[in-house]
């Protein structure tokens, strides 16, 4: 795992939908589970959402939270 990708993913904003403008780190787990079941979008956003899903699924929020930027 590339640490720069992790930091970028944690700080990326959701570009559409109910949670548009919210950092991916703060997306609710049920929303990420829904994406997991439906299929993540293609490209970088899909990879970032999949990473956030894995972080939340495995209880690793405490590891990723220090990477948040204001």
PDB file of N, CA and C in Angstrom:
ATOM      1  N   UNK A   1       0.843  -1.185   0.000  1.00  0.00           N
ATOM      2  CA  UNK A   1       0.000   0.000   0.000  1.00  0.00           C
ATOM      3  C   UNK A   1       0.876   1.232   0.000  1.00  0.00           C
ATOM      4  N   UNK A   2       0.577   2.113  -0.898  1.00  0.00           N
ATOM      5  CA  UNK A   2       1.289   3.375  -1.033  1.00  0.00           C
ATOM      6  C   UNK A   2       0.757   4.365   0.004  1.00  0.00           C
ATOM      7  N   UNK A   3       1.598   4.830   0.935  1.00  0.00           N
ATOM      8  CA  UNK A   3       1.133   5.782   1.960  1.00  0.00           C
ATOM      9  C   UNK A   3       0.538   7.061   1.372  1.00  0.00           C
ATOM     10  N   UNK A   4       1.067   7.511   0.245  1.00  0.00           N
ATOM     11  CA  UNK A   4       0.535   8.719  -0.389  1.00  0.00           C
ATOM     12  C   UNK A   4      -0.887   8.473  -0.900  1.00  0.00           C
ATOM     13  N   UNK A   5      -1.143   7.282  -1.435  1.00  0.00           N
ATOM     14  CA  UNK A   5      -2.489   6.944  -1.900  1.00  0.00           C
ATOM     15  C   UNK A   5      -3.459   6.894  -0.730  1.00  0.00           C
ATOM     16  N   UNK A   6      -3.018   6.340   0.379  1.00  0.00           N
ATOM     17  CA  UNK A   6      -3.863   6.272   1.575  1.00  0.00           C
ATOM     18  C   UNK A   6      -4.224   7.674   2.052  1.00  0.00           C
ATOM     19  N   UNK A   7      -3.242   8.548   2.125  1.00  0.00           N
ATOM     20  CA  UNK A   7      -3.490   9.920   2.576  1.00  0.00           C
ATOM     21  C   UNK A   7      -4.430  10.640   1.618  1.00  0.00           C
ATOM     22  N   UNK A   8      -4.226  10.454   0.327  1.00  0.00           N
ATOM     23  CA  UNK A   8      -5.090  11.075  -0.670  1.00  0.00           C
ATOM     24  C   UNK A   8      -6.517  10.540  -0.548  1.00  0.00           C
ATOM     25  N   UNK A   9      -6.660   9.241  -0.370  1.00  0.00           N
ATOM     26  CA  UNK A   9      -7.988   8.630  -0.264  1.00  0.00           C
ATOM     27  C   UNK A   9      -8.730   9.114   0.981  1.00  0.00           C
ATOM     28  N   UNK A  10      -8.049   9.190   2.084  1.00  0.00           N
ATOM     29  CA  UNK A  10      -8.670   9.625   3.337  1.00  0.00           C
ATOM     30  C   UNK A  10      -9.196  11.054   3.208  1.00  0.00           C
ATOM     31  N   UNK A  11      -8.497  11.883   2.459  1.00  0.00           N
ATOM     32  CA  UNK A  11      -8.854  13.301   2.339  1.00  0.00           C
ATOM     33  C   UNK A  11      -9.687  13.641   1.104  1.00  0.00           C
ATOM     34  N   UNK A  12      -9.877  12.687   0.208  1.00  0.00           N
ATOM     35  CA  UNK A  12     -10.681  12.936  -0.995  1.00  0.00           C
ATOM     36  C   UNK A  12     -12.136  13.178  -0.613  1.00  0.00           C
ATOM     37  N   UNK A  13     -12.812  13.970  -1.424  1.00  0.00           N
ATOM     38  CA  UNK A  13     -14.217  14.257  -1.175  1.00  0.00           C
ATOM     39  C   UNK A  13     -15.105  13.464  -2.130  1.00  0.00           C
ATOM     40  N   UNK A  14     -16.236  13.048  -1.610  1.00  0.00           N
ATOM     41  CA  UNK A  14     -17.221  12.348  -2.430  1.00  0.00           C
ATOM     42  C   UNK A  14     -17.781  13.344  -3.440  1.00  0.00           C
ATOM     43  N   UNK A  15     -17.681  13.039  -4.733  1.00  0.00           N
ATOM     44  CA  UNK A  15     -18.074  14.023  -5.739  1.00  0.00           C
ATOM     45  C   UNK A  15     -19.569  14.043  -6.093  1.00  0.00           C
ATOM     46  N   UNK A  16     -20.334  13.061  -5.635  1.00  0.00           N
ATOM     47  CA  UNK A  16     -21.744  13.005  -6.037  1.00  0.00           C
ATOM     48  C   UNK A  16     -22.586  12.320  -4.962  1.00  0.00           C
ATOM     49  N   UNK A  17     -23.884  12.385  -5.150  1.00  0.00           N
ATOM     50  CA  UNK A  17     -24.810  11.653  -4.294  1.00  0.00           C
ATOM     51  C   UNK A  17     -25.128  12.343  -2.985  1.00  0.00           C
ATOM     52  N   UNK A  18     -25.753  11.579  -2.118  1.00  0.00           N
ATOM     53  CA  UNK A  18     -26.215  12.060  -0.815  1.00  0.00           C
ATOM     54  C   UNK A  18     -25.087  12.663   0.017  1.00  0.00           C
ATOM     55  N   UNK A  19     -23.904  12.119  -0.116  1.00  0.00           N
ATOM     56  CA  UNK A  19     -22.763  12.559   0.694  1.00  0.00           C
ATOM     57  C   UNK A  19     -21.761  13.399  -0.095  1.00  0.00           C
ATOM     58  N   UNK A  20     -22.211  14.035  -1.157  1.00  0.00           N
ATOM     59  CA  UNK A  20     -21.335  14.882  -1.970  1.00  0.00           C
ATOM     60  C   UNK A  20     -20.676  15.942  -1.098  1.00  0.00           C
ATOM     61  N   UNK A  21     -19.361  16.098  -1.255  1.00  0.00           N
ATOM     62  CA  UNK A  21     -18.606  17.089  -0.499  1.00  0.00           C
ATOM     63  C   UNK A  21     -18.031  16.568   0.807  1.00  0.00           C
ATOM     64  N   UNK A  22     -18.452  15.392   1.241  1.00  0.00           N
ATOM     65  CA  UNK A  22     -17.944  14.819   2.490  1.00  0.00           C
ATOM     66  C   UNK A  22     -16.668  14.030   2.197  1.00  0.00           C
ATOM     67  N   UNK A  23     -15.698  14.133   3.101  1.00  0.00           N
ATOM     68  CA  UNK A  23     -14.469  13.347   2.923  1.00  0.00           C
ATOM     69  C   UNK A  23     -14.816  11.853   2.957  1.00  0.00           C
ATOM     70  N   UNK A  24     -14.120  11.097   2.125  1.00  0.00           N
ATOM     71  CA  UNK A  24     -14.387   9.664   2.050  1.00  0.00           C
ATOM     72  C   UNK A  24     -14.221   8.989   3.406  1.00  0.00           C
ATOM     73  N   UNK A  25     -13.298   9.485   4.212  1.00  0.00           N
ATOM     74  CA  UNK A  25     -13.070   8.909   5.531  1.00  0.00           C
ATOM     75  C   UNK A  25     -14.339   8.955   6.388  1.00  0.00           C
ATOM     76  N   UNK A  26     -15.157   9.977   6.184  1.00  0.00           N
ATOM     77  CA  UNK A  26     -16.355  10.176   7.002  1.00  0.00           C
ATOM     78  C   UNK A  26     -17.614   9.554   6.403  1.00  0.00           C
ATOM     79  N   UNK A  27     -17.495   8.846   5.295  1.00  0.00           N
ATOM     80  CA  UNK A  27     -18.668   8.175   4.741  1.00  0.00           C
ATOM     81  C   UNK A  27     -19.113   7.067   5.694  1.00  0.00           C
ATOM     82  N   UNK A  28     -20.421   6.919   5.895  1.00  0.00           N
ATOM     83  CA  UNK A  28     -20.898   5.868   6.795  1.00  0.00           C
ATOM     84  C   UNK A  28     -20.626   4.469   6.229  1.00  0.00           C
ATOM     85  N   UNK A  29     -20.334   3.563   7.117  1.00  0.00           N
ATOM     86  CA  UNK A  29     -20.015   2.199   6.694  1.00  0.00           C
ATOM     87  C   UNK A  29     -21.133   1.566   5.861  1.00  0.00           C
ATOM     88  N   UNK A  30     -22.419   1.730   6.219  1.00  0.00           N
ATOM     89  CA  UNK A  30     -23.467   1.119   5.376  1.00  0.00           C
ATOM     90  C   UNK A  30     -23.445   1.611   3.922  1.00  0.00           C
ATOM     91  N   UNK A  31     -23.057   2.854   3.724  1.00  0.00           N
ATOM     92  CA  UNK A  31     -22.947   3.405   2.367  1.00  0.00           C
ATOM     93  C   UNK A  31     -21.826   2.688   1.608  1.00  0.00           C
ATOM     94  N   UNK A  32     -20.709   2.465   2.269  1.00  0.00           N
ATOM     95  CA  UNK A  32     -19.589   1.760   1.637  1.00  0.00           C
ATOM     96  C   UNK A  32     -19.937   0.297   1.394  1.00  0.00           C
ATOM     97  N   UNK A  33     -20.703  -0.308   2.297  1.00  0.00           N
ATOM     98  CA  UNK A  33     -21.154  -1.696   2.103  1.00  0.00           C
ATOM     99  C   UNK A  33     -22.057  -1.775   0.872  1.00  0.00           C
ATOM    100  N   UNK A  34     -22.934  -0.775   0.709  1.00  0.00           N
ATOM    101  CA  UNK A  34     -23.811  -0.737  -0.459  1.00  0.00           C
ATOM    102  C   UNK A  34     -22.979  -0.693  -1.744  1.00  0.00           C
ATOM    103  N   UNK A  35     -21.970   0.169  -1.762  1.00  0.00           N
ATOM    104  CA  UNK A  35     -21.093   0.242  -2.930  1.00  0.00           C
ATOM    105  C   UNK A  35     -20.399  -1.096  -3.169  1.00  0.00           C
ATOM    106  N   UNK A  36     -19.962  -1.730  -2.092  1.00  0.00           N
ATOM    107  CA  UNK A  36     -19.284  -3.026  -2.217  1.00  0.00           C
ATOM    108  C   UNK A  36     -20.205  -4.049  -2.885  1.00  0.00           C
ATOM    109  N   UNK A  37     -21.476  -4.031  -2.501  1.00  0.00           N
ATOM    110  CA  UNK A  37     -22.439  -4.981  -3.080  1.00  0.00           C
ATOM    111  C   UNK A  37     -22.798  -4.629  -4.523  1.00  0.00           C
ATOM    112  N   UNK A  38     -22.941  -3.331  -4.815  1.00  0.00           N
ATOM    113  CA  UNK A  38     -23.348  -2.877  -6.142  1.00  0.00           C
ATOM    114  C   UNK A  38     -22.182  -2.806  -7.131  1.00  0.00           C
ATOM    115  N   UNK A  39     -21.011  -2.623  -6.579  1.00  0.00           N
ATOM    116  CA  UNK A  39     -19.818  -2.444  -7.410  1.00  0.00           C
ATOM    117  C   UNK A  39     -19.310  -1.019  -7.285  1.00  0.00           C
ATOM    118  N   UNK A  40     -18.047  -0.881  -6.959  1.00  0.00           N
ATOM    119  CA  UNK A  40     -17.439   0.435  -6.840  1.00  0.00           C
ATOM    120  C   UNK A  40     -17.294   1.060  -8.223  1.00  0.00           C
ATOM    121  N   UNK A  41     -17.336   2.399  -8.298  1.00  0.00           N
ATOM    122  CA  UNK A  41     -17.121   3.043  -9.593  1.00  0.00           C
ATOM    123  C   UNK A  41     -15.737   2.689 -10.145  1.00  0.00           C
ATOM    124  N   UNK A  42     -15.606   2.802 -11.433  1.00  0.00           N
ATOM    125  CA  UNK A  42     -14.305   2.537 -12.057  1.00  0.00           C
ATOM    126  C   UNK A  42     -13.346   3.692 -11.781  1.00  0.00           C
ATOM    127  N   UNK A  43     -12.076   3.398 -11.821  1.00  0.00           N
ATOM    128  CA  UNK A  43     -11.057   4.430 -11.696  1.00  0.00           C
ATOM    129  C   UNK A  43     -10.630   4.702 -10.264  1.00  0.00           C
ATOM    130  N   UNK A  44      -9.999   5.861 -10.110  1.00  0.00           N
ATOM    131  CA  UNK A  44      -9.390   6.241  -8.839  1.00  0.00           C
ATOM    132  C   UNK A  44     -10.424   6.316  -7.709  1.00  0.00           C
ATOM    133  N   UNK A  45     -11.596   6.912  -7.979  1.00  0.00           N
ATOM    134  CA  UNK A  45     -12.619   7.018  -6.944  1.00  0.00           C
ATOM    135  C   UNK A  45     -13.037   5.640  -6.449  1.00  0.00           C
ATOM    136  N   UNK A  46     -13.217   4.711  -7.349  1.00  0.00           N
ATOM    137  CA  UNK A  46     -13.584   3.354  -6.966  1.00  0.00           C
ATOM    138  C   UNK A  46     -12.526   2.701  -6.090  1.00  0.00           C
ATOM    139  N   UNK A  47     -11.274   2.924  -6.424  1.00  0.00           N
ATOM    140  CA  UNK A  47     -10.172   2.373  -5.624  1.00  0.00           C
ATOM    141  C   UNK A  47     -10.162   3.003  -4.233  1.00  0.00           C
ATOM    142  N   UNK A  48     -10.408   4.307  -4.180  1.00  0.00           N
ATOM    143  CA  UNK A  48     -10.432   5.000  -2.882  1.00  0.00           C
ATOM    144  C   UNK A  48     -11.606   4.529  -2.024  1.00  0.00           C
ATOM    145  N   UNK A  49     -12.777   4.377  -2.630  1.00  0.00           N
ATOM    146  CA  UNK A  49     -13.939   3.893  -1.887  1.00  0.00           C
ATOM    147  C   UNK A  49     -13.720   2.467  -1.392  1.00  0.00           C
ATOM    148  N   UNK A  50     -13.106   1.632  -2.219  1.00  0.00           N
ATOM    149  CA  UNK A  50     -12.808   0.255  -1.808  1.00  0.00           C
ATOM    150  C   UNK A  50     -11.840   0.251  -0.625  1.00  0.00           C
ATOM    151  N   UNK A  51     -10.874   1.152  -0.647  1.00  0.00           N
ATOM    152  CA  UNK A  51      -9.929   1.261   0.463  1.00  0.00           C
ATOM    153  C   UNK A  51     -10.648   1.693   1.745  1.00  0.00           C
ATOM    154  N   UNK A  52     -11.532   2.686   1.635  1.00  0.00           N
ATOM    155  CA  UNK A  52     -12.293   3.142   2.809  1.00  0.00           C
ATOM    156  C   UNK A  52     -13.177   2.019   3.343  1.00  0.00           C
ATOM    157  N   UNK A  53     -13.741   1.224   2.444  1.00  0.00           N
ATOM    158  CA  UNK A  53     -14.539   0.062   2.849  1.00  0.00           C
ATOM    159  C   UNK A  53     -13.692  -0.901   3.676  1.00  0.00           C
ATOM    160  N   UNK A  54     -12.506  -1.215   3.195  1.00  0.00           N
ATOM    161  CA  UNK A  54     -11.617  -2.146   3.911  1.00  0.00           C
ATOM    162  C   UNK A  54     -11.186  -1.575   5.266  1.00  0.00           C
ATOM    163  N   UNK A  55     -10.906  -0.282   5.310  1.00  0.00           N
ATOM    164  CA  UNK A  55     -10.509   0.355   6.570  1.00  0.00           C
ATOM    165  C   UNK A  55     -11.629   0.236   7.593  1.00  0.00           C
ATOM    166  N   UNK A  56     -12.855   0.560   7.181  1.00  0.00           N
ATOM    167  CA  UNK A  56     -13.992   0.514   8.109  1.00  0.00           C
ATOM    168  C   UNK A  56     -14.331  -0.926   8.473  1.00  0.00           C
ATOM    169  N   UNK A  57     -14.308  -1.823   7.502  1.00  0.00           N
ATOM    170  CA  UNK A  57     -14.633  -3.223   7.738  1.00  0.00           C
ATOM    171  C   UNK A  57     -13.696  -3.843   8.775  1.00  0.00           C
ATOM    172  N   UNK A  58     -12.434  -3.457   8.730  1.00  0.00           N
ATOM    173  CA  UNK A  58     -11.426  -4.039   9.607  1.00  0.00           C
ATOM    174  C   UNK A  58     -11.130  -3.201  10.847  1.00  0.00           C
ATOM    175  N   UNK A  59     -11.917  -2.153  11.065  1.00  0.00           N
ATOM    176  CA  UNK A  59     -11.749  -1.330  12.270  1.00  0.00           C
ATOM    177  C   UNK A  59     -10.435  -0.583  12.322  1.00  0.00           C
ATOM    178  N   UNK A  60      -9.958  -0.096  11.186  1.00  0.00           N
ATOM    179  CA  UNK A  60      -8.659   0.569  11.120  1.00  0.00           C
ATOM    180  C   UNK A  60      -8.762   2.094  11.067  1.00  0.00           C
ATOM    181  N   UNK A  61      -9.910   2.643  11.459  1.00  0.00           N
ATOM    182  CA  UNK A  61     -10.085   4.091  11.414  1.00  0.00           C
ATOM    183  C   UNK A  61      -9.022   4.826  12.224  1.00  0.00           C
ATOM    184  N   UNK A  62      -8.618   4.260  13.361  1.00  0.00           N
ATOM    185  CA  UNK A  62      -7.614   4.908  14.220  1.00  0.00           C
ATOM    186  C   UNK A  62      -6.256   5.010  13.519  1.00  0.00           C
ATOM    187  N   UNK A  63      -5.989   4.112  12.605  1.00  0.00           N
ATOM    188  CA  UNK A  63      -4.729   4.146  11.853  1.00  0.00           C
ATOM    189  C   UNK A  63      -4.777   5.233  10.782  1.00  0.00           C
ATOM    190  N   UNK A  64      -5.936   5.396  10.138  1.00  0.00           N
ATOM    191  CA  UNK A  64      -6.065   6.339   9.033  1.00  0.00           C
ATOM    192  C   UNK A  64      -6.395   7.757   9.492  1.00  0.00           C
ATOM    193  N   UNK A  65      -7.051   7.903  10.617  1.00  0.00           N
ATOM    194  CA  UNK A  65      -7.497   9.227  11.071  1.00  0.00           C
ATOM    195  C   UNK A  65      -6.380  10.265  11.195  1.00  0.00           C
ATOM    196  N   UNK A  66      -5.187   9.914  11.665  1.00  0.00           N
ATOM    197  CA  UNK A  66      -4.119  10.925  11.760  1.00  0.00           C
ATOM    198  C   UNK A  66      -3.713  11.519  10.404  1.00  0.00           C
ATOM    199  N   UNK A  67      -4.106  10.896   9.325  1.00  0.00           N
ATOM    200  CA  UNK A  67      -3.764  11.394   7.988  1.00  0.00           C
ATOM    201  C   UNK A  67      -4.725  12.474   7.492  1.00  0.00           C
ATOM    202  N   UNK A  68      -5.801  12.698   8.220  1.00  0.00           N
ATOM    203  CA  UNK A  68      -6.777  13.720   7.825  1.00  0.00           C
ATOM    204  C   UNK A  68      -6.167  15.105   7.861  1.00  0.00           C
ATOM    205  N   UNK A  69      -6.507  15.892   6.866  1.00  0.00           N
ATOM    206  CA  UNK A  69      -6.074  17.282   6.800  1.00  0.00           C
ATOM    207  C   UNK A  69      -7.291  18.169   7.014  1.00  0.00           C
ATOM    208  N   UNK A  70      -7.062  19.373   7.484  1.00  0.00           N
ATOM    209  CA  UNK A  70      -8.189  20.301   7.697  1.00  0.00           C
ATOM    210  C   UNK A  70      -8.839  20.710   6.423  1.00  0.00           C
TER     211      UNK A  70
END
